[in-house]
Amino acid sequence: MTNMLQMIKVSELFDVRYGHSLELNRLTITSKAKGIPFISRKMGDNGVAAYVERIPNLDPNPAGELTCALSGGVLSTFIQERPYYTAFHVACLRPLRNLTKPQLLYYCLCITENRYKYNYGRQANRTLPYILIPAFEEIPKWVNSANIDYFEDAEKPQENNFIPKLFDSQRKWHYFAFSSIFELKKGKRLTKSNMTEGETPFIGAIDKNNGISGYVGQSPIHEGNTISVNYNGSVAEAFYQPKPFWASDDVNVLYPKFNLTPAIAMFLITIIKNEKYRYNYGRKWHLERMKQSQILLPITLNSEPDWDFMEEYINSLPFSSQLCA
């Protein structure tokens, strides 16, 4: 019999208290460089709703604490690495023992994973201190060995060039048939009963996780460096597939007739997704219909797709440094 995981209350590891309960419309918003983070109940952006000027006679909370939304994006929990102010219904959690950044991030996740217990009518104002989380001794080894600096400077572009304009008097666009720039192939049905465990990405007709709905033991049926496009389910969701994979029969696979790079793929995927409005449950984007469809692309002076421009544009954008090679 395996040992039970030792659980403790949030209040046994953190001093839990209410934040400042400020209203953003009464504060002066300023730049990120000069301002103090104003933490709200939102789920993203580390909870930061804006950056505000320091309030006379009111000190910000110290850096190194966790903030937790008690309503709204309930239990959205983040590390605050700068002194900060908070809105209403935001709790501040000060560690009662020394915790590393990876350990704090782990507890952010542990707390957030309890949000399924709450809804609009059941907030966490009174119950947060009593939520159970793993004891310090139960922190997995992988947490302490995690490289949290992996995405340091992730927001930087691949190339430090100015962002070229998509539309101006010099930039021309033209329609191309999908079949003229891609060889289009269909996925293949694989039922759950026939799936085996393995490492081959299985691409389903979903709208997240790069289309990967699982991993199977079957050999890949499609090559990497291709684009998968759902023709059923979440129609027109498109993803770049860097590795060989198995695609379900609800997915079309686009094999490039040109030199496809991750950057060019990102450009094309954005355009493909803009075609969603044309399709629905009763009008699928099946293989034959896709072959007859057209895609609007920037062109060169010779009226050919301007692949160099597409790559340059994507590589000039923030976070492009994280594109897979």
C-alpha atoms as a PDB file:
ATOM      1  CA  MET A   1       0.000   0.000   0.000  1.00  0.00           C
ATOM      2  CA  THR A   2       1.362   3.433  -0.955  1.00  0.00           C
ATOM      3  CA  ASN A   3       1.646   6.139   1.673  1.00  0.00           C
ATOM      4  CA  MET A   4      -1.052   8.794   1.709  1.00  0.00           C
ATOM      5  CA  LEU A   5       0.035  12.294   0.707  1.00  0.00           C
ATOM      6  CA  GLN A   6       0.317  14.498   3.798  1.00  0.00           C
ATOM      7  CA  MET A   7      -1.956  17.508   3.357  1.00  0.00           C
ATOM      8  CA  ILE A   8      -2.041  20.718   5.370  1.00  0.00           C
ATOM      9  CA  LYS A   9      -4.175  23.847   5.413  1.00  0.00           C
ATOM     10  CA  VAL A  10      -3.068  26.869   3.414  1.00  0.00           C
ATOM     11  CA  SER A  11      -2.929  28.810   6.694  1.00  0.00           C
ATOM     12  CA  GLU A  12      -0.312  26.386   8.059  1.00  0.00           C
ATOM     13  CA  LEU A  13       2.152  27.422   5.372  1.00  0.00           C
ATOM     14  CA  PHE A  14       1.039  30.977   4.609  1.00  0.00           C
ATOM     15  CA  ASP A  15      -0.152  33.974   6.574  1.00  0.00           C
ATOM     16  CA  VAL A  16      -3.414  34.769   4.776  1.00  0.00           C
ATOM     17  CA  ARG A  17      -4.814  38.306   4.884  1.00  0.00           C
ATOM     18  CA  TYR A  18      -6.935  40.646   2.800  1.00  0.00           C
ATOM     19  CA  GLY A  19      -5.255  43.056   0.417  1.00  0.00           C
ATOM     20  CA  HIS A  20      -5.740  46.811   0.120  1.00  0.00           C
ATOM     21  CA  SER A  21      -9.249  46.635  -1.409  1.00  0.00           C
ATOM     22  CA  LEU A  22      -8.605  49.611  -3.686  1.00  0.00           C
ATOM     23  CA  GLU A  23     -10.604  50.809  -6.694  1.00  0.00           C
ATOM     24  CA  LEU A  24      -8.621  51.255  -9.886  1.00  0.00           C
ATOM     25  CA  ASN A  25     -10.774  54.154 -11.127  1.00  0.00           C
ATOM     26  CA  ARG A  26      -9.580  56.206  -8.146  1.00  0.00           C
ATOM     27  CA  LEU A  27      -5.898  55.618  -8.863  1.00  0.00           C
ATOM     28  CA  THR A  28      -3.525  57.182 -11.357  1.00  0.00           C
ATOM     29  CA  ILE A  29      -2.405  54.762 -14.039  1.00  0.00           C
ATOM     30  CA  THR A  30       1.164  55.038 -15.252  1.00  0.00           C
ATOM     31  CA  SER A  31       3.755  52.999 -17.141  1.00  0.00           C
ATOM     32  CA  LYS A  32       4.984  49.553 -16.196  1.00  0.00           C
ATOM     33  CA  ALA A  33       8.508  50.890 -15.707  1.00  0.00           C
ATOM     34  CA  LYS A  34       7.454  53.593 -13.263  1.00  0.00           C
ATOM     35  CA  GLY A  35       4.325  52.168 -11.698  1.00  0.00           C
ATOM     36  CA  ILE A  36       3.321  49.718  -8.994  1.00  0.00           C
ATOM     37  CA  PRO A  37       1.415  46.586 -10.088  1.00  0.00           C
ATOM     38  CA  PHE A  38      -2.285  46.747  -9.254  1.00  0.00           C
ATOM     39  CA  ILE A  39      -3.490  43.179  -8.690  1.00  0.00           C
ATOM     40  CA  SER A  40      -7.101  42.371  -9.480  1.00  0.00           C
ATOM     41  CA  ARG A  41      -9.178  39.188  -9.639  1.00  0.00           C
ATOM     42  CA  LYS A  42      -8.341  38.447 -13.267  1.00  0.00           C
ATOM     43  CA  MET A  43      -7.077  35.036 -14.343  1.00  0.00           C
ATOM     44  CA  GLY A  44      -4.181  36.066 -16.574  1.00  0.00           C
ATOM     45  CA  ASP A  45      -1.279  38.534 -16.704  1.00  0.00           C
ATOM     46  CA  ASN A  46      -0.164  37.531 -13.208  1.00  0.00           C
ATOM     47  CA  GLY A  47      -3.302  39.234 -11.942  1.00  0.00           C
ATOM     48  CA  VAL A  48      -2.008  42.670 -12.986  1.00  0.00           C
ATOM     49  CA  ALA A  49      -4.820  44.951 -14.153  1.00  0.00           C
ATOM     50  CA  ALA A  50      -2.645  48.071 -14.472  1.00  0.00           C
ATOM     51  CA  TYR A  51       0.390  49.896 -13.112  1.00  0.00           C
ATOM     52  CA  VAL A  52      -0.373  52.815 -10.831  1.00  0.00           C
ATOM     53  CA  GLU A  53       1.397  55.653  -9.079  1.00  0.00           C
ATOM     54  CA  ARG A  54       2.342  55.221  -5.423  1.00  0.00           C
ATOM     55  CA  ILE A  55      -0.426  56.257  -3.022  1.00  0.00           C
ATOM     56  CA  PRO A  56       0.645  58.746  -0.333  1.00  0.00           C
ATOM     57  CA  ASN A  57       0.698  57.209   3.146  1.00  0.00           C
ATOM     58  CA  LEU A  58      -0.087  53.720   1.816  1.00  0.00           C
ATOM     59  CA  ASP A  59       2.791  51.318   1.358  1.00  0.00           C
ATOM     60  CA  PRO A  60       2.532  48.568  -1.258  1.00  0.00           C
ATOM     61  CA  ASN A  61       2.662  44.979  -0.066  1.00  0.00           C
ATOM     62  CA  PRO A  62       6.161  43.484  -0.205  1.00  0.00           C
ATOM     63  CA  ALA A  63       7.480  41.431  -3.100  1.00  0.00           C
ATOM     64  CA  GLY A  64       7.713  37.669  -2.663  1.00  0.00           C
ATOM     65  CA  GLU A  65       4.103  37.136  -1.609  1.00  0.00           C
ATOM     66  CA  LEU A  66       1.344  35.244  -3.405  1.00  0.00           C
ATOM     67  CA  THR A  67      -1.920  36.866  -4.404  1.00  0.00           C
ATOM     68  CA  CYS A  68      -5.129  34.867  -4.728  1.00  0.00           C
ATOM     69  CA  ALA A  69      -8.440  35.965  -6.245  1.00  0.00           C
ATOM     70  CA  LEU A  70     -11.317  35.246  -3.872  1.00  0.00           C
ATOM     71  CA  SER A  71     -13.997  35.840  -6.521  1.00  0.00           C
ATOM     72  CA  GLY A  72     -14.045  36.574 -10.253  1.00  0.00           C
ATOM     73  CA  GLY A  73     -11.184  34.411 -11.520  1.00  0.00           C
ATOM     74  CA  VAL A  74     -11.511  32.617  -8.209  1.00  0.00           C
ATOM     75  CA  LEU A  75      -8.324  31.035  -6.785  1.00  0.00           C
ATOM     76  CA  SER A  76      -6.148  32.438  -9.587  1.00  0.00           C
ATOM     77  CA  THR A  77      -2.882  32.541  -7.642  1.00  0.00           C
ATOM     78  CA  PHE A  78       0.365  34.269  -8.612  1.00  0.00           C
ATOM     79  CA  ILE A  79       3.777  35.223  -7.239  1.00  0.00           C
ATOM     80  CA  GLN A  80       4.253  38.978  -6.989  1.00  0.00           C
ATOM     81  CA  GLU A  81       7.910  39.767  -7.589  1.00  0.00           C
ATOM     82  CA  ARG A  82       7.436  43.519  -7.159  1.00  0.00           C
ATOM     83  CA  PRO A  83       5.776  45.486  -4.358  1.00  0.00           C
ATOM     84  CA  TYR A  84       2.078  45.727  -5.229  1.00  0.00           C
ATOM     85  CA  TYR A  85      -1.391  47.055  -4.440  1.00  0.00           C
ATOM     86  CA  THR A  86      -4.585  44.999  -4.660  1.00  0.00           C
ATOM     87  CA  ALA A  87      -8.221  45.426  -5.592  1.00  0.00           C
ATOM     88  CA  PHE A  88     -11.206  44.110  -3.628  1.00  0.00           C
ATOM     89  CA  HIS A  89     -11.497  40.376  -2.931  1.00  0.00           C
ATOM     90  CA  VAL A  90      -7.800  39.621  -3.356  1.00  0.00           C
ATOM     91  CA  ALA A  91      -5.986  37.720  -0.623  1.00  0.00           C
ATOM     92  CA  CYS A  92      -2.277  38.108   0.113  1.00  0.00           C
ATOM     93  CA  LEU A  93      -0.300  35.059   1.218  1.00  0.00           C
ATOM     94  CA  ARG A  94       3.012  35.541   3.018  1.00  0.00           C
ATOM     95  CA  PRO A  95       5.097  32.347   3.323  1.00  0.00           C
ATOM     96  CA  LEU A  96       5.689  31.308   6.937  1.00  0.00           C
ATOM     97  CA  ARG A  97       8.933  29.603   5.946  1.00  0.00           C
ATOM     98  CA  ASN A  98      11.562  30.172   3.302  1.00  0.00           C
ATOM     99  CA  LEU A  99      10.295  28.927  -0.050  1.00  0.00           C
ATOM    100  CA  THR A 100      12.135  29.066  -3.355  1.00  0.00           C
ATOM    101  CA  LYS A 101      10.502  30.473  -6.468  1.00  0.00           C
ATOM    102  CA  PRO A 102       9.859  26.993  -7.939  1.00  0.00           C
ATOM    103  CA  GLN A 103       8.247  25.967  -4.647  1.00  0.00           C
ATOM    104  CA  LEU A 104       6.059  29.084  -4.613  1.00  0.00           C
ATOM    105  CA  LEU A 105       4.980  28.394  -8.194  1.00  0.00           C
ATOM    106  CA  TYR A 106       4.108  24.848  -7.161  1.00  0.00           C
ATOM    107  CA  TYR A 107       1.838  26.116  -4.406  1.00  0.00           C
ATOM    108  CA  CYS A 108       0.255  28.625  -6.799  1.00  0.00           C
ATOM    109  CA  LEU A 109      -0.742  25.647  -8.928  1.00  0.00           C
ATOM    110  CA  CYS A 110      -1.932  23.609  -5.946  1.00  0.00           C
ATOM    111  CA  ILE A 111      -4.225  26.392  -4.762  1.00  0.00           C
ATOM    112  CA  THR A 112      -5.537  27.196  -8.241  1.00  0.00           C
ATOM    113  CA  GLU A 113      -6.404  23.532  -8.845  1.00  0.00           C
ATOM    114  CA  ASN A 114      -9.104  23.845  -6.179  1.00  0.00           C
ATOM    115  CA  ARG A 115     -11.148  26.332  -8.204  1.00  0.00           C
ATOM    116  CA  TYR A 116     -13.562  23.602  -9.380  1.00  0.00           C
ATOM    117  CA  LYS A 117     -15.127  23.806  -5.904  1.00  0.00           C
ATOM    118  CA  TYR A 118     -16.234  27.400  -6.475  1.00  0.00           C
ATOM    119  CA  ASN A 119     -18.554  29.351  -8.732  1.00  0.00           C
ATOM    120  CA  TYR A 120     -20.327  32.694  -8.955  1.00  0.00           C
ATOM    121  CA  GLY A 121     -22.411  31.911  -5.874  1.00  0.00           C
ATOM    122  CA  ARG A 122     -19.618  30.289  -3.845  1.00  0.00           C
ATOM    123  CA  GLN A 123     -16.539  32.429  -3.369  1.00  0.00           C
ATOM    124  CA  ALA A 124     -13.371  31.695  -1.430  1.00  0.00           C
ATOM    125  CA  ASN A 125     -13.403  34.630   0.983  1.00  0.00           C
ATOM    126  CA  ARG A 126     -13.785  32.489   4.097  1.00  0.00           C
ATOM    127  CA  THR A 127     -12.499  29.118   2.939  1.00  0.00           C
ATOM    128  CA  LEU A 128      -9.097  29.931   1.390  1.00  0.00           C
ATOM    129  CA  PRO A 129      -7.144  29.446   4.668  1.00  0.00           C
ATOM    130  CA  TYR A 130      -8.684  25.975   5.052  1.00  0.00           C
ATOM    131  CA  ILE A 131      -7.988  24.642   1.554  1.00  0.00           C
ATOM    132  CA  LEU A 132      -5.742  21.592   1.727  1.00  0.00           C
ATOM    133  CA  ILE A 133      -2.399  21.621  -0.064  1.00  0.00           C
ATOM    134  CA  PRO A 134       0.580  19.211   0.062  1.00  0.00           C
ATOM    135  CA  ALA A 135       2.867  19.665   3.038  1.00  0.00           C
ATOM    136  CA  PHE A 136       6.311  21.140   2.413  1.00  0.00           C
ATOM    137  CA  GLU A 137       7.858  17.668   2.789  1.00  0.00           C
ATOM    138  CA  GLU A 138       5.601  16.411  -0.008  1.00  0.00           C
ATOM    139  CA  ILE A 139       6.890  18.809  -2.679  1.00  0.00           C
ATOM    140  CA  PRO A 140       7.919  16.601  -5.647  1.00  0.00           C
ATOM    141  CA  LYS A 141      11.597  16.390  -6.534  1.00  0.00           C
ATOM    142  CA  TRP A 142      10.955  17.737 -10.023  1.00  0.00           C
ATOM    143  CA  VAL A 143       9.814  21.045  -8.532  1.00  0.00           C
ATOM    144  CA  ASN A 144      13.184  21.695  -6.931  1.00  0.00           C
ATOM    145  CA  SER A 145      15.039  20.755 -10.118  1.00  0.00           C
ATOM    146  CA  ALA A 146      12.789  22.727 -12.482  1.00  0.00           C
ATOM    147  CA  ASN A 147      14.506  25.322 -14.655  1.00  0.00           C
ATOM    148  CA  ILE A 148      12.208  28.294 -14.174  1.00  0.00           C
ATOM    149  CA  ASP A 149      14.537  30.542 -16.168  1.00  0.00           C
ATOM    150  CA  TYR A 150      13.849  28.526 -19.322  1.00  0.00           C
ATOM    151  CA  PHE A 151      11.534  31.229 -20.652  1.00  0.00           C
ATOM    152  CA  GLU A 152      13.649  34.157 -19.499  1.00  0.00           C
ATOM    153  CA  ASP A 153      13.381  36.916 -22.124  1.00  0.00           C
ATOM    154  CA  ALA A 154      10.775  34.815 -23.925  1.00  0.00           C
ATOM    155  CA  GLU A 155       8.974  37.971 -24.992  1.00  0.00           C
ATOM    156  CA  LYS A 156      11.889  39.040 -27.183  1.00  0.00           C
ATOM    157  CA  PRO A 157      11.620  38.756 -30.971  1.00  0.00           C
ATOM    158  CA  GLN A 158      13.745  36.319 -32.962  1.00  0.00           C
ATOM    159  CA  GLU A 159      15.216  39.234 -34.884  1.00  0.00           C
ATOM    160  CA  ASN A 160      15.634  42.761 -33.542  1.00  0.00           C
ATOM    161  CA  ASN A 161      14.225  44.332 -36.669  1.00  0.00           C
ATOM    162  CA  PHE A 162      11.394  46.803 -36.921  1.00  0.00           C
ATOM    163  CA  ILE A 163       8.029  45.164 -37.502  1.00  0.00           C
ATOM    164  CA  PRO A 164       7.281  45.458 -41.226  1.00  0.00           C
ATOM    165  CA  LYS A 165       3.834  46.642 -42.222  1.00  0.00           C
ATOM    166  CA  LEU A 166       1.352  44.040 -43.399  1.00  0.00           C
ATOM    167  CA  PHE A 167      -0.624  46.505 -45.495  1.00  0.00           C
ATOM    168  CA  ASP A 168       0.737  49.559 -47.265  1.00  0.00           C
ATOM    169  CA  SER A 169       0.965  50.914 -50.788  1.00  0.00           C
ATOM    170  CA  GLN A 170       4.017  48.745 -51.504  1.00  0.00           C
ATOM    171  CA  ARG A 171       2.625  45.480 -50.153  1.00  0.00           C
ATOM    172  CA  LYS A 172       0.404  43.520 -52.521  1.00  0.00           C
ATOM    173  CA  TRP A 173      -1.699  40.458 -51.663  1.00  0.00           C
ATOM    174  CA  HIS A 174      -3.146  37.763 -53.887  1.00  0.00           C
ATOM    175  CA  TYR A 175      -5.323  34.656 -53.579  1.00  0.00           C
ATOM    176  CA  PHE A 176      -3.774  31.221 -54.086  1.00  0.00           C
ATOM    177  CA  ALA A 177      -5.519  27.868 -54.225  1.00  0.00           C
ATOM    178  CA  PHE A 178      -4.606  25.686 -51.258  1.00  0.00           C
ATOM    179  CA  SER A 179      -3.786  22.897 -53.694  1.00  0.00           C
ATOM    180  CA  SER A 180      -1.234  25.114 -55.485  1.00  0.00           C
ATOM    181  CA  ILE A 181       0.968  25.567 -52.409  1.00  0.00           C
ATOM    182  CA  PHE A 182       0.119  22.427 -50.415  1.00  0.00           C
ATOM    183  CA  GLU A 183      -0.388  18.754 -51.013  1.00  0.00           C
ATOM    184  CA  LEU A 184      -3.493  17.990 -48.986  1.00  0.00           C
ATOM    185  CA  LYS A 185      -3.904  14.669 -47.195  1.00  0.00           C
ATOM    186  CA  LYS A 186      -6.536  13.310 -44.861  1.00  0.00           C
ATOM    187  CA  GLY A 187      -6.094  11.854 -41.397  1.00  0.00           C
ATOM    188  CA  LYS A 188      -7.097   8.301 -40.522  1.00  0.00           C
ATOM    189  CA  ARG A 189      -9.623   7.010 -38.026  1.00  0.00           C
ATOM    190  CA  LEU A 190      -8.195   5.426 -34.881  1.00  0.00           C
ATOM    191  CA  THR A 191     -10.682   4.395 -32.205  1.00  0.00           C
ATOM    192  CA  LYS A 192      -9.884   4.514 -28.510  1.00  0.00           C
ATOM    193  CA  SER A 193     -10.237   0.745 -28.303  1.00  0.00           C
ATOM    194  CA  ASN A 194      -7.454   0.343 -30.860  1.00  0.00           C
ATOM    195  CA  MET A 195      -5.111   2.941 -29.388  1.00  0.00           C
ATOM    196  CA  THR A 196      -2.028   1.736 -27.568  1.00  0.00           C
ATOM    197  CA  GLU A 197       0.194   3.699 -25.223  1.00  0.00           C
ATOM    198  CA  GLY A 198       3.210   5.349 -26.782  1.00  0.00           C
ATOM    199  CA  GLU A 199       4.896   8.594 -27.788  1.00  0.00           C
ATOM    200  CA  THR A 200       3.348   9.371 -31.176  1.00  0.00           C
ATOM    201  CA  PRO A 201       1.339  12.642 -31.007  1.00  0.00           C
ATOM    202  CA  PHE A 202      -2.318  12.017 -31.851  1.00  0.00           C
ATOM    203  CA  ILE A 203      -3.888  15.086 -33.480  1.00  0.00           C
ATOM    204  CA  GLY A 204      -7.612  15.390 -32.942  1.00  0.00           C
ATOM    205  CA  ALA A 205     -10.203  18.003 -33.948  1.00  0.00           C
ATOM    206  CA  ILE A 206      -9.665  20.125 -30.823  1.00  0.00           C
ATOM    207  CA  ASP A 207      -8.867  23.810 -30.376  1.00  0.00           C
ATOM    208  CA  LYS A 208      -5.966  23.696 -27.909  1.00  0.00           C
ATOM    209  CA  ASN A 209      -2.713  21.942 -26.958  1.00  0.00           C
ATOM    210  CA  ASN A 210      -1.460  22.275 -30.545  1.00  0.00           C
ATOM    211  CA  GLY A 211      -4.184  19.836 -31.552  1.00  0.00           C
ATOM    212  CA  ILE A 212      -2.631  17.007 -29.527  1.00  0.00           C
ATOM    213  CA  SER A 213      -5.385  15.086 -27.757  1.00  0.00           C
ATOM    214  CA  GLY A 214      -3.055  12.299 -26.603  1.00  0.00           C
ATOM    215  CA  TYR A 215      -0.116  10.058 -27.441  1.00  0.00           C
ATOM    216  CA  VAL A 216      -0.390   6.616 -29.024  1.00  0.00           C
ATOM    217  CA  GLY A 217       1.852   3.634 -29.629  1.00  0.00           C
ATOM    218  CA  GLN A 218       0.997   3.431 -33.333  1.00  0.00           C
ATOM    219  CA  SER A 219       3.616   4.593 -35.823  1.00  0.00           C
ATOM    220  CA  PRO A 220       3.141   8.105 -37.267  1.00  0.00           C
ATOM    221  CA  ILE A 221       1.184   8.324 -40.507  1.00  0.00           C
ATOM    222  CA  HIS A 222       2.126  11.935 -41.288  1.00  0.00           C
ATOM    223  CA  GLU A 223       5.446  13.731 -41.494  1.00  0.00           C
ATOM    224  CA  GLY A 224       6.549  16.606 -39.314  1.00  0.00           C
ATOM    225  CA  ASN A 225       7.028  20.168 -40.597  1.00  0.00           C
ATOM    226  CA  THR A 226       3.425  20.176 -41.792  1.00  0.00           C
ATOM    227  CA  ILE A 227       0.214  21.973 -40.802  1.00  0.00           C
ATOM    228  CA  SER A 228      -2.856  20.239 -39.407  1.00  0.00           C
ATOM    229  CA  VAL A 229      -6.290  21.783 -40.012  1.00  0.00           C
ATOM    230  CA  ASN A 230      -9.538  20.538 -38.461  1.00  0.00           C
ATOM    231  CA  TYR A 231     -12.325  20.025 -40.961  1.00  0.00           C
ATOM    232  CA  ASN A 232     -14.697  18.745 -38.287  1.00  0.00           C
ATOM    233  CA  GLY A 233     -15.131  19.471 -34.592  1.00  0.00           C
ATOM    234  CA  SER A 234     -13.338  22.790 -33.983  1.00  0.00           C
ATOM    235  CA  VAL A 235     -13.384  23.564 -37.699  1.00  0.00           C
ATOM    236  CA  ALA A 236     -10.482  25.576 -39.161  1.00  0.00           C
ATOM    237  CA  GLU A 237      -8.308  25.335 -36.059  1.00  0.00           C
ATOM    238  CA  ALA A 238      -4.806  25.036 -37.480  1.00  0.00           C
ATOM    239  CA  PHE A 239      -1.516  24.007 -35.862  1.00  0.00           C
ATOM    240  CA  TYR A 240       2.094  23.607 -36.904  1.00  0.00           C
ATOM    241  CA  GLN A 241       3.276  20.035 -36.347  1.00  0.00           C
ATOM    242  CA  PRO A 242       7.080  19.889 -36.004  1.00  0.00           C
ATOM    243  CA  LYS A 243       7.238  16.116 -35.410  1.00  0.00           C
ATOM    244  CA  PRO A 244       5.751  13.055 -37.175  1.00  0.00           C
ATOM    245  CA  PHE A 245       2.245  12.298 -35.901  1.00  0.00           C
ATOM    246  CA  TRP A 246      -1.040  10.456 -36.349  1.00  0.00           C
ATOM    247  CA  ALA A 247      -3.998  12.625 -37.388  1.00  0.00           C
ATOM    248  CA  SER A 248      -7.598  11.574 -36.834  1.00  0.00           C
ATOM    249  CA  ASP A 249     -10.022  11.377 -39.754  1.00  0.00           C
ATOM    250  CA  ASP A 250     -11.434  14.769 -38.670  1.00  0.00           C
ATOM    251  CA  VAL A 251      -8.171  16.466 -39.585  1.00  0.00           C
ATOM    252  CA  ASN A 252      -6.592  17.473 -42.896  1.00  0.00           C
ATOM    253  CA  VAL A 253      -2.817  17.683 -43.179  1.00  0.00           C
ATOM    254  CA  LEU A 254      -1.104  20.281 -45.372  1.00  0.00           C
ATOM    255  CA  TYR A 255       2.242  19.241 -46.875  1.00  0.00           C
ATOM    256  CA  PRO A 256       4.090  22.327 -48.170  1.00  0.00           C
ATOM    257  CA  LYS A 257       5.299  22.568 -51.749  1.00  0.00           C
ATOM    258  CA  PHE A 258       7.772  25.211 -50.557  1.00  0.00           C
ATOM    259  CA  ASN A 259      10.361  25.506 -47.792  1.00  0.00           C
ATOM    260  CA  LEU A 260       8.195  25.708 -44.680  1.00  0.00           C
ATOM    261  CA  THR A 261       9.748  27.138 -41.509  1.00  0.00           C
ATOM    262  CA  PRO A 262       8.083  27.505 -38.088  1.00  0.00           C
ATOM    263  CA  ALA A 263       7.807  31.261 -38.631  1.00  0.00           C
ATOM    264  CA  ILE A 264       6.120  30.908 -42.022  1.00  0.00           C
ATOM    265  CA  ALA A 265       3.820  28.283 -40.517  1.00  0.00           C
ATOM    266  CA  MET A 266       2.716  30.733 -37.802  1.00  0.00           C
ATOM    267  CA  PHE A 267       1.893  33.312 -40.470  1.00  0.00           C
ATOM    268  CA  LEU A 268      -0.152  30.836 -42.501  1.00  0.00           C
ATOM    269  CA  ILE A 269      -1.934  29.392 -39.475  1.00  0.00           C
ATOM    270  CA  THR A 270      -3.233  32.834 -38.497  1.00  0.00           C
ATOM    271  CA  ILE A 271      -4.678  33.354 -41.978  1.00  0.00           C
ATOM    272  CA  ILE A 272      -6.204  29.866 -42.058  1.00  0.00           C
ATOM    273  CA  LYS A 273      -7.932  30.407 -38.710  1.00  0.00           C
ATOM    274  CA  ASN A 274      -9.542  33.553 -40.101  1.00  0.00           C
ATOM    275  CA  GLU A 275     -11.576  31.275 -42.380  1.00  0.00           C
ATOM    276  CA  LYS A 276     -13.574  29.877 -39.445  1.00  0.00           C
ATOM    277  CA  TYR A 277     -16.605  32.040 -40.132  1.00  0.00           C
ATOM    278  CA  ARG A 278     -17.188  30.194 -43.411  1.00  0.00           C
ATOM    279  CA  TYR A 279     -17.723  26.822 -41.741  1.00  0.00           C
ATOM    280  CA  ASN A 280     -19.894  25.239 -39.083  1.00  0.00           C
ATOM    281  CA  TYR A 281     -21.420  21.945 -37.985  1.00  0.00           C
ATOM    282  CA  GLY A 282     -23.406  21.655 -41.225  1.00  0.00           C
ATOM    283  CA  ARG A 283     -20.650  22.904 -43.534  1.00  0.00           C
ATOM    284  CA  LYS A 284     -17.385  21.068 -42.956  1.00  0.00           C
ATOM    285  CA  TRP A 285     -14.045  22.044 -44.435  1.00  0.00           C
ATOM    286  CA  HIS A 286     -13.492  18.581 -45.901  1.00  0.00           C
ATOM    287  CA  LEU A 287     -10.583  17.698 -48.163  1.00  0.00           C
ATOM    288  CA  GLU A 288     -12.287  18.331 -51.505  1.00  0.00           C
ATOM    289  CA  ARG A 289     -13.689  21.657 -50.336  1.00  0.00           C
ATOM    290  CA  MET A 290     -10.277  22.693 -49.032  1.00  0.00           C
ATOM    291  CA  LYS A 291      -8.645  21.875 -52.357  1.00  0.00           C
ATOM    292  CA  GLN A 292     -11.039  24.347 -53.980  1.00  0.00           C
ATOM    293  CA  SER A 293     -10.514  26.990 -51.272  1.00  0.00           C
ATOM    294  CA  GLN A 294      -8.147  29.924 -51.586  1.00  0.00           C
ATOM    295  CA  ILE A 295      -5.772  31.617 -49.179  1.00  0.00           C
ATOM    296  CA  LEU A 296      -4.809  35.297 -49.303  1.00  0.00           C
ATOM    297  CA  LEU A 297      -1.039  35.849 -49.138  1.00  0.00           C
ATOM    298  CA  PRO A 298       1.431  38.715 -49.604  1.00  0.00           C
ATOM    299  CA  ILE A 299       3.251  38.479 -52.913  1.00  0.00           C
ATOM    300  CA  THR A 300       6.584  39.403 -54.475  1.00  0.00           C
ATOM    301  CA  LEU A 301       7.040  41.586 -57.556  1.00  0.00           C
ATOM    302  CA  ASN A 302       6.766  38.356 -59.556  1.00  0.00           C
ATOM    303  CA  SER A 303       3.335  37.659 -58.043  1.00  0.00           C
ATOM    304  CA  GLU A 304       4.612  34.660 -56.083  1.00  0.00           C
ATOM    305  CA  PRO A 305       3.973  34.130 -52.372  1.00  0.00           C
ATOM    306  CA  ASP A 306       6.474  36.262 -50.472  1.00  0.00           C
ATOM    307  CA  TRP A 307       7.770  33.624 -48.064  1.00  0.00           C
ATOM    308  CA  ASP A 308      10.728  35.786 -47.024  1.00  0.00           C
ATOM    309  CA  PHE A 309       8.416  38.603 -45.934  1.00  0.00           C
ATOM    310  CA  MET A 310       6.210  36.201 -43.965  1.00  0.00           C
ATOM    311  CA  GLU A 311       9.211  34.849 -42.084  1.00  0.00           C
ATOM    312  CA  GLU A 312      10.646  38.296 -41.458  1.00  0.00           C
ATOM    313  CA  TYR A 313       7.322  39.554 -40.140  1.00  0.00           C
ATOM    314  CA  ILE A 314       6.836  36.715 -37.651  1.00  0.00           C
ATOM    315  CA  ASN A 315      10.467  36.831 -36.473  1.00  0.00           C
ATOM    316  CA  SER A 316      10.078  40.537 -35.700  1.00  0.00           C
ATOM    317  CA  LEU A 317       7.186  39.946 -33.277  1.00  0.00           C
ATOM    318  CA  PRO A 318       7.463  39.539 -29.494  1.00  0.00           C
ATOM    319  CA  PHE A 319       7.872  35.915 -28.328  1.00  0.00           C
ATOM    320  CA  SER A 320       9.102  34.778 -31.762  1.00  0.00           C
ATOM    321  CA  SER A 321      12.374  33.764 -30.108  1.00  0.00           C
ATOM    322  CA  GLN A 322      10.444  30.798 -28.665  1.00  0.00           C
ATOM    323  CA  LEU A 323       9.524  29.315 -32.027  1.00  0.00           C
ATOM    324  CA  CYS A 324      10.725  25.753 -32.423  1.00  0.00           C
ATOM    325  CA  ALA A 325      13.668  25.313 -34.754  1.00  0.00           C
END
